């Protein structure tokens, strides 16, 4: 009885994760500049991947420890990699959309100089 309930919850979590992953992919196509694409890709895909892994852990409880380690790895590496990509884009003078009001990273660099 409990196994069927966990399977259903796990499937719903995986479906929600797949939805977030699809929205992240859509954000990569629809966002106007590199910085927005990095954020859309990172935020949505991190949450989507975590939901898929939680769903898999609910469906296959024997894999829970391995999946937890993968989740921890993702929570540390995805934000860090997006920050590195954004800094590299900024250093290579990737264009921003005109709607961007201020370049805080550039302002901080001027304050430090």
N, C-alpha and C. Protein backbone atom coordinates (compact mmCIF):
# COMPACT_ATOMS: atom_id res chain seq x y z
N UNK A 1 0.83 -1.20 0.00
CA UNK A 1 0.00 0.00 0.00
C UNK A 1 0.87 1.25 0.00
N UNK A 2 1.88 1.28 0.86
CA UNK A 2 2.74 2.47 0.96
C UNK A 2 3.60 2.62 -0.29
N UNK A 3 3.99 1.49 -0.89
CA UNK A 3 4.83 1.54 -2.08
C UNK A 3 4.09 2.21 -3.25
N UNK A 4 2.83 1.94 -3.41
CA UNK A 4 2.04 2.57 -4.47
C UNK A 4 1.92 4.08 -4.25
N UNK A 5 1.78 4.50 -3.00
CA UNK A 5 1.69 5.92 -2.67
C UNK A 5 3.01 6.62 -2.99
N UNK A 6 4.13 6.00 -2.58
CA UNK A 6 5.44 6.60 -2.86
C UNK A 6 5.73 6.63 -4.35
N UNK A 7 5.29 5.60 -5.08
CA UNK A 7 5.47 5.60 -6.52
C UNK A 7 4.70 6.75 -7.17
N UNK A 8 3.49 6.99 -6.70
CA UNK A 8 2.68 8.08 -7.25
C UNK A 8 3.30 9.44 -6.94
N UNK A 9 3.72 9.64 -5.71
CA UNK A 9 4.36 10.91 -5.33
C UNK A 9 5.67 11.08 -6.10
N UNK A 10 6.43 10.00 -6.23
CA UNK A 10 7.68 10.05 -6.99
C UNK A 10 7.45 10.40 -8.45
N UNK A 11 6.42 9.83 -9.04
CA UNK A 11 6.11 10.13 -10.44
C UNK A 11 5.68 11.58 -10.60
N UNK A 12 4.92 12.09 -9.64
CA UNK A 12 4.51 13.50 -9.70
C UNK A 12 5.72 14.43 -9.54
N UNK A 13 6.64 14.06 -8.66
CA UNK A 13 7.87 14.87 -8.50
C UNK A 13 8.68 14.85 -9.79
N UNK A 14 8.78 13.70 -10.40
CA UNK A 14 9.53 13.61 -11.65
C UNK A 14 8.85 14.40 -12.77
N UNK A 15 7.54 14.38 -12.79
CA UNK A 15 6.80 15.16 -13.77
C UNK A 15 7.02 16.66 -13.55
N UNK A 16 6.97 17.08 -12.29
CA UNK A 16 7.25 18.49 -11.97
C UNK A 16 8.67 18.87 -12.35
N UNK A 17 9.62 17.99 -12.09
CA UNK A 17 11.00 18.25 -12.47
C UNK A 17 11.16 18.36 -13.98
N UNK A 18 10.47 17.48 -14.71
CA UNK A 18 10.53 17.55 -16.17
C UNK A 18 9.93 18.85 -16.67
N UNK A 19 8.89 19.33 -16.01
CA UNK A 19 8.29 20.61 -16.39
C UNK A 19 9.28 21.76 -16.17
N UNK A 20 9.95 21.77 -15.03
CA UNK A 20 10.95 22.81 -14.78
C UNK A 20 12.11 22.73 -15.77
N UNK A 21 12.53 21.53 -16.11
CA UNK A 21 13.60 21.37 -17.10
C UNK A 21 13.16 21.90 -18.46
N UNK A 22 11.91 21.63 -18.83
CA UNK A 22 11.40 22.15 -20.11
C UNK A 22 11.31 23.68 -20.08
N UNK A 23 10.88 24.23 -18.96
CA UNK A 23 10.81 25.69 -18.84
C UNK A 23 12.20 26.32 -18.87
N UNK A 24 13.17 25.63 -18.29
CA UNK A 24 14.55 26.11 -18.37
C UNK A 24 15.06 26.13 -19.79
N UNK A 25 14.73 25.10 -20.55
CA UNK A 25 15.10 25.06 -21.96
C UNK A 25 14.41 26.16 -22.75
N UNK A 26 13.15 26.42 -22.44
CA UNK A 26 12.42 27.50 -23.09
C UNK A 26 13.05 28.85 -22.74
N UNK A 27 13.47 29.00 -21.48
CA UNK A 27 14.13 30.24 -21.06
C UNK A 27 15.43 30.48 -21.80
N UNK A 28 16.15 29.41 -22.12
CA UNK A 28 17.39 29.56 -22.88
C UNK A 28 17.12 30.09 -24.28
N UNK A 29 15.97 29.75 -24.83
CA UNK A 29 15.63 30.21 -26.17
C UNK A 29 15.03 31.62 -26.15
N UNK A 30 14.21 31.91 -25.14
CA UNK A 30 13.43 33.13 -25.14
C UNK A 30 14.10 34.35 -24.50
N UNK A 31 15.06 34.16 -23.63
CA UNK A 31 15.66 35.29 -22.93
C UNK A 31 16.51 36.13 -23.88
N UNK A 32 16.56 37.46 -23.63
CA UNK A 32 17.16 38.36 -24.61
C UNK A 32 18.69 38.40 -24.62
N UNK A 33 19.35 38.17 -23.52
CA UNK A 33 20.81 38.25 -23.53
C UNK A 33 21.42 37.10 -22.75
N UNK A 34 22.73 37.02 -22.81
CA UNK A 34 23.45 35.90 -22.22
C UNK A 34 23.23 35.80 -20.71
N UNK A 35 23.20 36.92 -20.03
CA UNK A 35 23.07 36.91 -18.57
C UNK A 35 21.72 36.37 -18.13
N UNK A 36 20.67 36.77 -18.82
CA UNK A 36 19.34 36.24 -18.51
C UNK A 36 19.24 34.75 -18.85
N UNK A 37 19.88 34.35 -19.93
CA UNK A 37 19.87 32.94 -20.31
C UNK A 37 20.59 32.09 -19.26
N UNK A 38 21.70 32.61 -18.76
CA UNK A 38 22.43 31.86 -17.73
C UNK A 38 21.55 31.66 -16.50
N UNK A 39 20.86 32.73 -16.08
CA UNK A 39 20.02 32.62 -14.90
C UNK A 39 18.84 31.68 -15.13
N UNK A 40 18.19 31.82 -16.28
CA UNK A 40 17.04 30.95 -16.57
C UNK A 40 17.47 29.50 -16.63
N UNK A 41 18.58 29.26 -17.27
CA UNK A 41 19.06 27.88 -17.38
C UNK A 41 19.46 27.30 -16.04
N UNK A 42 20.12 28.09 -15.23
CA UNK A 42 20.63 27.56 -13.96
C UNK A 42 19.52 27.34 -12.94
N UNK A 43 18.70 28.34 -12.72
CA UNK A 43 17.66 28.23 -11.68
C UNK A 43 16.68 27.10 -11.99
N UNK A 44 16.14 27.11 -13.21
CA UNK A 44 15.11 26.14 -13.55
C UNK A 44 15.68 24.72 -13.65
N UNK A 45 16.85 24.59 -14.23
CA UNK A 45 17.39 23.23 -14.37
C UNK A 45 17.88 22.66 -13.05
N UNK A 46 18.36 23.52 -12.16
CA UNK A 46 18.75 23.01 -10.84
C UNK A 46 17.53 22.46 -10.10
N UNK A 47 16.45 23.24 -10.06
CA UNK A 47 15.24 22.78 -9.38
C UNK A 47 14.65 21.57 -10.09
N UNK A 48 14.62 21.60 -11.42
CA UNK A 48 14.08 20.47 -12.17
C UNK A 48 14.85 19.19 -11.92
N UNK A 49 16.16 19.29 -11.95
CA UNK A 49 16.98 18.10 -11.72
C UNK A 49 16.81 17.57 -10.30
N UNK A 50 16.75 18.49 -9.33
CA UNK A 50 16.54 18.06 -7.94
C UNK A 50 15.19 17.36 -7.78
N UNK A 51 14.15 17.88 -8.41
CA UNK A 51 12.84 17.24 -8.30
C UNK A 51 12.85 15.86 -8.96
N UNK A 52 13.52 15.73 -10.09
CA UNK A 52 13.60 14.42 -10.75
C UNK A 52 14.34 13.43 -9.85
N UNK A 53 15.42 13.89 -9.22
CA UNK A 53 16.19 12.99 -8.34
C UNK A 53 15.41 12.61 -7.08
N UNK A 54 14.65 13.56 -6.53
CA UNK A 54 13.81 13.24 -5.36
C UNK A 54 12.74 12.23 -5.76
N UNK A 55 12.15 12.43 -6.93
CA UNK A 55 11.16 11.48 -7.43
C UNK A 55 11.75 10.09 -7.62
N UNK A 56 12.96 10.04 -8.16
CA UNK A 56 13.63 8.75 -8.34
C UNK A 56 13.93 8.10 -6.99
N UNK A 57 14.30 8.92 -6.00
CA UNK A 57 14.57 8.38 -4.66
C UNK A 57 13.30 7.82 -4.02
N UNK A 58 12.16 8.45 -4.29
CA UNK A 58 10.90 7.93 -3.74
C UNK A 58 10.49 6.63 -4.43
N UNK A 59 10.76 6.53 -5.70
CA UNK A 59 10.39 5.32 -6.43
C UNK A 59 11.34 4.18 -6.10
N UNK A 60 12.64 4.49 -5.98
CA UNK A 60 13.66 3.48 -5.69
C UNK A 60 14.38 3.85 -4.39
N UNK A 61 13.81 3.54 -3.23
CA UNK A 61 14.42 3.95 -1.97
C UNK A 61 15.83 3.39 -1.75
N UNK A 62 16.18 2.30 -2.39
CA UNK A 62 17.52 1.75 -2.21
C UNK A 62 18.60 2.64 -2.84
N UNK A 63 18.22 3.55 -3.72
CA UNK A 63 19.16 4.46 -4.36
C UNK A 63 19.27 5.80 -3.64
N UNK A 64 18.58 5.96 -2.53
CA UNK A 64 18.44 7.27 -1.89
C UNK A 64 19.78 7.91 -1.52
N UNK A 65 20.70 7.16 -0.97
CA UNK A 65 21.99 7.73 -0.54
C UNK A 65 22.77 8.24 -1.75
N UNK A 66 22.83 7.46 -2.81
CA UNK A 66 23.53 7.88 -4.02
C UNK A 66 22.88 9.13 -4.63
N UNK A 67 21.56 9.13 -4.67
CA UNK A 67 20.85 10.27 -5.24
C UNK A 67 21.01 11.52 -4.37
N UNK A 68 21.07 11.34 -3.06
CA UNK A 68 21.31 12.48 -2.17
C UNK A 68 22.69 13.08 -2.42
N UNK A 69 23.69 12.25 -2.62
CA UNK A 69 25.03 12.75 -2.93
C UNK A 69 25.05 13.51 -4.26
N UNK A 70 24.32 13.00 -5.25
CA UNK A 70 24.23 13.70 -6.53
C UNK A 70 23.54 15.05 -6.34
N UNK A 71 22.48 15.08 -5.53
CA UNK A 71 21.77 16.34 -5.27
C UNK A 71 22.68 17.36 -4.60
N UNK A 72 23.44 16.94 -3.62
CA UNK A 72 24.37 17.85 -2.96
C UNK A 72 25.41 18.39 -3.95
N UNK A 73 25.94 17.51 -4.78
CA UNK A 73 26.90 17.93 -5.79
C UNK A 73 26.29 18.97 -6.72
N UNK A 74 25.06 18.74 -7.17
CA UNK A 74 24.39 19.69 -8.06
C UNK A 74 24.14 21.03 -7.38
N UNK A 75 23.75 21.01 -6.11
CA UNK A 75 23.46 22.27 -5.41
C UNK A 75 24.72 23.11 -5.22
N UNK A 76 25.88 22.47 -5.18
CA UNK A 76 27.12 23.24 -5.07
C UNK A 76 27.65 23.67 -6.43
N UNK A 77 27.56 22.81 -7.43
CA UNK A 77 28.23 23.09 -8.70
C UNK A 77 27.41 23.94 -9.66
N UNK A 78 26.10 23.78 -9.71
CA UNK A 78 25.30 24.57 -10.67
C UNK A 78 25.38 26.07 -10.41
N UNK A 79 25.17 26.55 -9.20
CA UNK A 79 25.29 28.01 -9.00
C UNK A 79 26.72 28.51 -9.22
N UNK A 80 27.69 27.72 -8.85
CA UNK A 80 29.07 28.13 -9.04
C UNK A 80 29.42 28.22 -10.53
N UNK A 81 28.98 27.24 -11.30
CA UNK A 81 29.28 27.28 -12.73
C UNK A 81 28.56 28.44 -13.41
N UNK A 82 27.35 28.76 -13.00
CA UNK A 82 26.66 29.90 -13.61
C UNK A 82 27.34 31.21 -13.26
N UNK A 83 27.87 31.31 -12.06
CA UNK A 83 28.60 32.53 -11.68
C UNK A 83 29.87 32.67 -12.51
N UNK A 84 30.56 31.57 -12.73
CA UNK A 84 31.79 31.61 -13.53
C UNK A 84 31.46 31.97 -14.98
N UNK A 85 30.39 31.41 -15.53
CA UNK A 85 29.98 31.76 -16.89
C UNK A 85 29.60 33.23 -17.01
N UNK A 86 28.88 33.75 -16.02
CA UNK A 86 28.47 35.16 -16.07
C UNK A 86 29.69 36.07 -15.95
N UNK A 87 30.63 35.74 -15.11
CA UNK A 87 31.84 36.56 -14.98
C UNK A 87 32.66 36.53 -16.28
N UNK A 88 32.76 35.35 -16.89
CA UNK A 88 33.48 35.25 -18.16
C UNK A 88 32.78 36.04 -19.26
N UNK A 89 31.45 36.00 -19.27
CA UNK A 89 30.71 36.79 -20.26
C UNK A 89 30.93 38.28 -20.03
N UNK A 90 30.95 38.70 -18.78
CA UNK A 90 31.16 40.11 -18.46
C UNK A 90 32.56 40.55 -18.85
N UNK A 91 33.54 39.71 -18.59
CA UNK A 91 34.93 40.06 -18.94
C UNK A 91 35.15 40.10 -20.44
N UNK A 92 34.37 39.34 -21.19
CA UNK A 92 34.51 39.37 -22.64
C UNK A 92 33.57 40.40 -23.27
N UNK A 93 32.99 41.25 -22.45
CA UNK A 93 32.10 42.34 -22.89
C UNK A 93 30.90 41.83 -23.69
N UNK A 94 30.26 40.78 -23.21
CA UNK A 94 29.03 40.31 -23.83
C UNK A 94 27.97 41.39 -23.68
N UNK A 95 27.24 41.69 -24.74
CA UNK A 95 26.28 42.80 -24.67
C UNK A 95 25.11 42.50 -23.74
N UNK A 96 24.64 43.56 -23.09
CA UNK A 96 23.44 43.47 -22.24
C UNK A 96 22.27 44.10 -22.99
N UNK A 97 21.08 43.74 -22.61
CA UNK A 97 19.91 44.37 -23.22
C UNK A 97 19.79 45.80 -22.71
N UNK A 98 19.18 46.67 -23.49
CA UNK A 98 19.02 48.06 -23.04
C UNK A 98 18.16 48.20 -21.79
N UNK A 99 17.33 47.21 -21.50
CA UNK A 99 16.49 47.29 -20.30
C UNK A 99 17.30 47.19 -19.02
N UNK A 100 18.53 46.70 -19.13
CA UNK A 100 19.37 46.59 -17.95
C UNK A 100 19.77 47.99 -17.52
N UNK A 101 19.40 48.35 -16.33
CA UNK A 101 19.61 49.72 -15.86
C UNK A 101 21.05 49.97 -15.43
N UNK A 102 21.66 49.02 -14.75
CA UNK A 102 22.99 49.27 -14.19
C UNK A 102 23.83 48.00 -14.26
N UNK A 103 25.11 48.21 -14.38
CA UNK A 103 26.07 47.10 -14.38
C UNK A 103 26.78 47.12 -13.03
N UNK A 104 26.23 46.42 -12.06
CA UNK A 104 26.77 46.43 -10.69
C UNK A 104 28.19 45.86 -10.62
N UNK A 105 28.47 44.86 -11.41
CA UNK A 105 29.81 44.28 -11.39
C UNK A 105 30.85 45.29 -11.87
N UNK A 106 30.49 46.05 -12.90
CA UNK A 106 31.40 47.08 -13.40
C UNK A 106 31.58 48.20 -12.38
N UNK A 107 30.49 48.56 -11.69
CA UNK A 107 30.57 49.60 -10.66
C UNK A 107 31.47 49.14 -9.50
N UNK A 108 31.36 47.87 -9.11
CA UNK A 108 32.22 47.34 -8.05
C UNK A 108 33.68 47.35 -8.45
N UNK A 109 33.95 47.03 -9.72
CA UNK A 109 35.32 47.03 -10.21
C UNK A 109 35.92 48.43 -10.18
N UNK A 110 35.09 49.44 -10.48
CA UNK A 110 35.56 50.83 -10.43
C UNK A 110 35.84 51.25 -9.00
N UNK A 111 35.04 50.79 -8.06
CA UNK A 111 35.25 51.14 -6.65
C UNK A 111 36.54 50.51 -6.12
N UNK A 112 36.87 49.32 -6.61
CA UNK A 112 38.07 48.64 -6.14
C UNK A 112 39.35 49.20 -6.76
N UNK A 113 39.22 49.82 -7.92
CA UNK A 113 40.41 50.34 -8.63
C UNK A 113 40.95 51.59 -7.99
